[in-house]
Each structure stands twice: as C-alpha cells, then as structure tokens.
N, C-alpha and C. Protein backbone atom coordinates (compact mmCIF):
# COMPACT_ATOMS: atom_id res chain seq x y z
N MET A 1 5.22 -5.85 10.38
CA MET A 1 4.39 -5.41 11.97
C MET A 1 3.41 -6.08 11.89
N VAL A 2 2.91 -6.58 13.89
CA VAL A 2 1.52 -6.83 13.46
C VAL A 2 1.32 -6.82 14.88
N GLN A 3 -0.32 -6.62 14.77
CA GLN A 3 -0.77 -6.29 16.25
C GLN A 3 -1.45 -7.26 16.76
N LYS A 4 -0.98 -7.84 18.40
CA LYS A 4 -2.05 -8.44 18.76
C LYS A 4 -2.07 -7.96 20.18
N GLU A 5 -3.95 -8.13 20.74
CA GLU A 5 -4.05 -7.27 22.11
C GLU A 5 -3.44 -6.13 22.15
N GLY A 6 -3.54 -4.79 21.01
CA GLY A 6 -3.07 -3.63 21.02
C GLY A 6 -1.77 -3.66 21.12
N LYS A 7 -1.13 -4.81 20.98
CA LYS A 7 0.51 -4.63 21.10
C LYS A 7 1.01 -4.46 19.90
N TRP A 8 2.20 -3.77 18.77
CA TRP A 8 2.56 -3.52 17.99
C TRP A 8 4.20 -4.85 18.01
N SER A 9 4.66 -5.91 17.41
CA SER A 9 5.83 -6.13 17.43
C SER A 9 5.91 -6.69 15.67
N PRO A 10 7.46 -6.85 15.93
CA PRO A 10 8.03 -7.51 14.41
C PRO A 10 7.53 -8.73 14.19
N HIS A 11 7.17 -8.64 13.20
CA HIS A 11 6.79 -10.37 12.34
C HIS A 11 7.50 -10.86 11.32
N SER A 12 8.22 -9.85 10.80
CA SER A 12 9.14 -10.41 9.19
C SER A 12 10.16 -9.18 8.60
N LYS A 13 11.05 -9.69 8.33
CA LYS A 13 11.85 -8.79 8.45
C LYS A 13 12.25 -8.88 6.35
N PHE A 14 12.21 -8.11 5.12
CA PHE A 14 12.74 -7.86 4.15
C PHE A 14 13.69 -7.18 3.66
N ASP A 15 14.28 -7.56 2.65
CA ASP A 15 15.04 -6.40 2.09
C ASP A 15 15.08 -4.85 1.52
N THR A 16 15.39 -4.06 1.68
CA THR A 16 14.90 -3.04 0.97
C THR A 16 14.36 -3.07 -0.48
N ASN A 17 14.24 -3.43 -1.23
CA ASN A 17 14.15 -3.65 -2.44
C ASN A 17 12.77 -4.83 -2.84
N ALA A 18 12.41 -5.57 -1.22
CA ALA A 18 11.40 -6.27 -1.72
C ALA A 18 10.26 -6.27 -1.22
N LEU A 19 9.85 -4.73 -1.65
CA LEU A 19 8.49 -4.54 -1.03
C LEU A 19 7.36 -5.17 -1.39
N GLY A 20 7.59 -5.46 -2.45
CA GLY A 20 6.40 -6.35 -2.91
C GLY A 20 6.26 -7.62 -2.49
N SER A 21 7.39 -8.34 -2.12
CA SER A 21 7.08 -9.68 -1.10
C SER A 21 6.73 -9.01 0.04
N ALA A 22 6.91 -8.14 0.53
CA ALA A 22 6.70 -7.92 2.13
C ALA A 22 4.76 -7.62 1.91
N LEU A 23 4.72 -6.80 0.79
CA LEU A 23 3.18 -6.75 1.03
C LEU A 23 2.41 -7.92 0.54
N LEU A 24 2.80 -8.58 0.02
CA LEU A 24 2.50 -9.96 -0.38
C LEU A 24 2.24 -10.77 0.96
N LYS A 25 3.41 -11.03 1.65
CA LYS A 25 3.08 -11.35 3.18
C LYS A 25 2.12 -10.84 4.16
N ALA A 26 1.88 -9.59 4.14
CA ALA A 26 1.30 -8.89 5.01
C ALA A 26 -0.02 -9.06 4.47
N GLU A 27 -0.10 -9.40 3.34
CA GLU A 27 -1.88 -9.22 2.94
C GLU A 27 -2.26 -10.81 3.05
N GLU A 28 -1.26 -11.86 3.31
CA GLU A 28 -1.38 -13.51 3.94
C GLU A 28 -1.57 -13.00 5.04
N ILE A 29 -0.60 -12.67 5.79
CA ILE A 29 -1.16 -12.49 7.43
C ILE A 29 -2.33 -11.71 7.73
N ASP A 30 -2.61 -10.79 7.25
CA ASP A 30 -3.64 -10.09 7.37
C ASP A 30 -5.00 -10.79 7.27
N GLY A 31 -5.15 -12.10 5.93
CA GLY A 31 -6.40 -12.48 5.62
C GLY A 31 -6.57 -13.92 6.99
N SER A 32 -5.14 -14.08 7.31
CA SER A 32 -5.55 -15.42 8.48
C SER A 32 -5.91 -14.59 9.40
N ARG A 33 -6.55 -13.45 10.03
CA ARG A 33 -7.17 -13.00 11.01
C ARG A 33 -6.62 -13.62 12.62
N ILE A 34 -5.41 -14.25 12.30
CA ILE A 34 -4.54 -14.70 13.64
C ILE A 34 -4.27 -13.47 14.79
N PHE A 35 -3.93 -12.09 13.62
CA PHE A 35 -3.56 -11.30 14.42
C PHE A 35 -4.68 -9.90 14.22
N ASP A 36 -4.59 -8.78 15.06
CA ASP A 36 -5.55 -7.91 15.01
C ASP A 36 -5.53 -6.68 13.76
N ALA A 37 -4.19 -6.89 13.37
CA ALA A 37 -4.54 -5.82 12.50
C ALA A 37 -2.06 -6.23 11.83
N VAL A 38 -2.09 -6.01 10.74
CA VAL A 38 -0.90 -5.96 10.11
C VAL A 38 -0.37 -4.39 8.95
N LYS A 39 0.99 -4.22 9.64
CA LYS A 39 1.57 -3.02 8.76
C LYS A 39 2.93 -3.11 8.37
N VAL A 40 3.09 -2.57 6.71
CA VAL A 40 4.43 -3.11 6.30
C VAL A 40 5.03 -1.35 6.89
N MET A 41 5.98 -1.26 7.26
CA MET A 41 7.02 -0.28 7.98
C MET A 41 8.28 -0.26 6.97
N ARG A 42 8.39 1.00 6.39
CA ARG A 42 10.05 0.89 5.86
C ARG A 42 11.12 2.14 6.88
N ILE A 43 12.29 0.94 7.40
CA ILE A 43 12.93 1.72 8.24
C ILE A 43 14.20 2.06 7.33
N ALA A 44 14.72 3.31 7.67
CA ALA A 44 15.42 3.92 7.34
C ALA A 44 16.91 3.78 8.01
N ALA A 45 17.90 3.89 7.20
CA ALA A 45 19.27 3.72 8.08
C ALA A 45 18.81 4.54 9.40
N ASP A 46 19.04 5.51 8.94
CA ASP A 46 19.08 6.61 10.23
C ASP A 46 17.62 6.33 11.15
N GLY A 47 16.97 5.08 10.82
CA GLY A 47 15.86 4.88 12.01
C GLY A 47 14.49 5.60 11.65
N ALA A 48 14.50 6.53 10.73
CA ALA A 48 13.29 6.84 10.31
C ALA A 48 12.02 5.56 9.89
N GLN A 49 10.66 5.65 10.36
CA GLN A 49 10.02 4.91 9.98
C GLN A 49 9.30 6.00 9.09
N LYS A 50 8.66 4.84 8.27
CA LYS A 50 7.33 5.08 6.86
C LYS A 50 6.31 3.77 7.02
N GLU A 51 4.92 3.96 7.52
CA GLU A 51 4.03 2.79 7.04
C GLU A 51 3.69 3.08 5.79
N MET A 52 4.10 1.78 5.02
CA MET A 52 3.81 1.56 3.82
C MET A 52 2.72 1.01 3.04
N TRP A 53 1.86 0.39 4.11
CA TRP A 53 0.81 -0.22 4.01
C TRP A 53 0.28 -0.73 5.50
N VAL A 54 -1.33 -0.87 5.55
CA VAL A 54 -2.19 -0.99 6.90
C VAL A 54 -3.04 -1.65 6.55
N SER A 55 -3.42 -2.79 7.53
CA SER A 55 -4.39 -3.66 7.13
C SER A 55 -5.79 -2.42 7.00
N PRO A 56 -6.62 -2.78 5.99
CA PRO A 56 -7.68 -2.07 5.55
C PRO A 56 -8.77 -2.50 6.68
N HIS A 57 -8.71 -3.72 7.41
CA HIS A 57 -9.93 -3.85 8.78
C HIS A 57 -9.54 -2.76 9.68
N LEU A 58 -7.87 -2.23 9.51
CA LEU A 58 -7.64 -1.57 10.93
C LEU A 58 -8.07 -0.22 10.44
N LYS A 59 -7.91 0.15 9.42
CA LYS A 59 -8.25 1.66 8.96
C LYS A 59 -9.68 1.30 9.21
N GLY A 60 -10.45 0.87 9.03
CA GLY A 60 -12.00 0.47 9.35
C GLY A 60 -12.27 0.71 10.68
N ARG A 61 -11.75 -0.08 11.50
CA ARG A 61 -12.16 -0.25 13.04
C ARG A 61 -11.50 1.63 13.47
N ALA A 62 -10.55 2.07 13.13
CA ALA A 62 -10.00 3.18 13.08
C ALA A 62 -10.97 4.31 12.95
N GLU A 63 -12.07 4.36 11.96
CA GLU A 63 -12.72 5.27 11.74
C GLU A 63 -14.12 5.13 12.27
N ALA A 64 -14.33 3.69 12.62
CA ALA A 64 -15.51 3.40 13.21
C ALA A 64 -15.13 4.02 14.89
N ALA A 65 -14.31 4.19 15.17
CA ALA A 65 -14.02 5.12 16.62
C ALA A 65 -13.71 5.92 16.69
N ALA A 66 -13.51 6.89 15.42
CA ALA A 66 -13.42 7.91 15.40
C ALA A 66 -15.05 8.62 15.14
N ALA A 67 -16.16 8.08 14.63
CA ALA A 67 -17.11 8.21 14.49
C ALA A 67 -17.81 8.36 15.61
N ALA A 68 -17.89 7.14 16.70
CA ALA A 68 -18.54 6.65 17.95
C ALA A 68 -18.09 8.30 19.04
N LYS A 69 -16.45 8.33 18.70
CA LYS A 69 -16.16 9.53 19.21
C LYS A 69 -16.98 10.83 19.09
N VAL A 70 -17.47 11.48 17.90
CA VAL A 70 -17.90 12.18 16.89
C VAL A 70 -19.73 12.18 18.12
N ARG A 71 -20.19 11.11 17.88
CA ARG A 71 -21.84 10.87 18.53
C ARG A 71 -21.81 10.91 19.94
N ALA A 72 -20.61 10.92 20.63
CA ALA A 72 -20.56 10.81 21.81
C ALA A 72 -20.37 12.03 22.05
N GLY A 73 -20.13 12.98 21.52
CA GLY A 73 -19.44 14.41 21.60
C GLY A 73 -20.65 15.14 21.20
N LEU A 74 -21.32 14.49 20.21
CA LEU A 74 -23.03 15.27 19.53
C LEU A 74 -23.83 15.32 20.96
N LYS A 75 -23.93 14.15 21.69
CA LYS A 75 -24.79 13.53 22.83
C LYS A 75 -24.80 14.11 23.93
N GLU A 76 -23.01 14.42 23.98
CA GLU A 76 -23.31 15.10 25.52
C GLU A 76 -23.19 16.73 25.46
N THR A 77 -23.03 17.14 24.23
CA THR A 77 -23.41 18.52 23.49
C THR A 77 -25.03 19.20 23.58
N ASN A 78 -25.73 17.71 22.94
CA ASN A 78 -27.50 17.96 23.04
C ASN A 78 -27.51 18.33 24.57
N GLN A 79 -26.97 17.21 25.48
CA GLN A 79 -27.37 17.50 26.67
C GLN A 79 -27.36 18.65 27.72
N LYS A 80 -25.92 18.96 27.29
CA LYS A 80 -25.71 20.26 28.04
C LYS A 80 -26.43 21.53 27.76
N LEU A 81 -26.98 21.51 26.07
CA LEU A 81 -28.04 22.37 25.49
C LEU A 81 -29.18 22.30 26.41
N GLU A 82 -29.86 20.96 26.48
CA GLU A 82 -31.22 20.71 27.14
C GLU A 82 -31.13 21.44 28.18
N ALA A 83 -30.03 20.68 29.06
CA ALA A 83 -29.82 21.70 30.34
C ALA A 83 -30.17 22.56 30.65
N ALA A 84 -29.46 23.57 29.63
CA ALA A 84 -29.31 24.84 29.88
C ALA A 84 -30.88 25.80 29.64
N ARG A 85 -31.48 24.86 28.75
CA ARG A 85 -32.48 25.46 28.28
C ARG A 85 -33.52 25.50 29.11
N LYS A 86 -33.61 24.02 29.95
CA LYS A 86 -34.37 23.93 31.02
C LYS A 86 -34.31 24.94 32.17
N ALA A 87 -32.98 25.33 32.46
CA ALA A 87 -32.49 26.16 33.44
C ALA A 87 -33.05 27.51 33.27
N GLN A 88 -32.57 27.92 32.16
CA GLN A 88 -33.73 29.44 31.38
C GLN A 88 -34.87 29.27 31.61
N GLY A 89 -35.60 27.94 31.52
CA GLY A 89 -37.10 28.22 31.46
C GLY A 89 -37.38 28.04 33.14
N ARG A 90 -36.78 27.94 33.88
CA ARG A 90 -36.86 27.88 35.47
C ARG A 90 -36.86 29.43 35.96
N MET A 91 -35.66 29.85 35.28
CA MET A 91 -35.63 31.43 36.04
C MET A 91 -36.48 32.43 35.39
N LYS A 92 -37.57 32.01 34.67
CA LYS A 92 -38.78 33.46 34.09
C LYS A 92 -39.87 33.07 34.95
C-alpha cells in the first residue's frame, strides 16, 4: 500500500510466501520519496488485514503529531489555570 496526499491505495501484490520480496520492494519505494508513506499488509483469505511493515518516516510523523497535540493540550491547560487564578484574584 502507498499513501499519497493522505489517501492509501494498493501498489503491488505478492504471493503469501514472498514477504521478503514485498519488504524489499516497500523499502525501495519508501526510499524514492515519491509517496508520502508505504506499508506492507498481509490480507488473509477471510479479509482480515495485518500491518507487517510501515515506513519509518510515517511513524516519526505520527509521533510528532501526537507530541504536538500534547503540547497544545498543555498550553490550553496552562491558559485556563492562569485565567482561573486571575479570576480568583479579582474576587478577593
């Protein structure tokens, strides 16, 4: 699977026993930076999907986004606490 502009789409299909070939192809595609991200999926006969490999830079981007959310939450909390302290100071 490859991701471009936030949308995942199939890129290549490999036999069930060709995981090594799929991983090599995924790393090759990921290294070209044509796509935003690459992942290898194993799809069972019953349709169940399992991620086998994901682009390292995609993982880094997800971790950075999560850290940004935490920072934004801390900033908002600090602003609310400061506003509450100011409001208490006015009441006295």
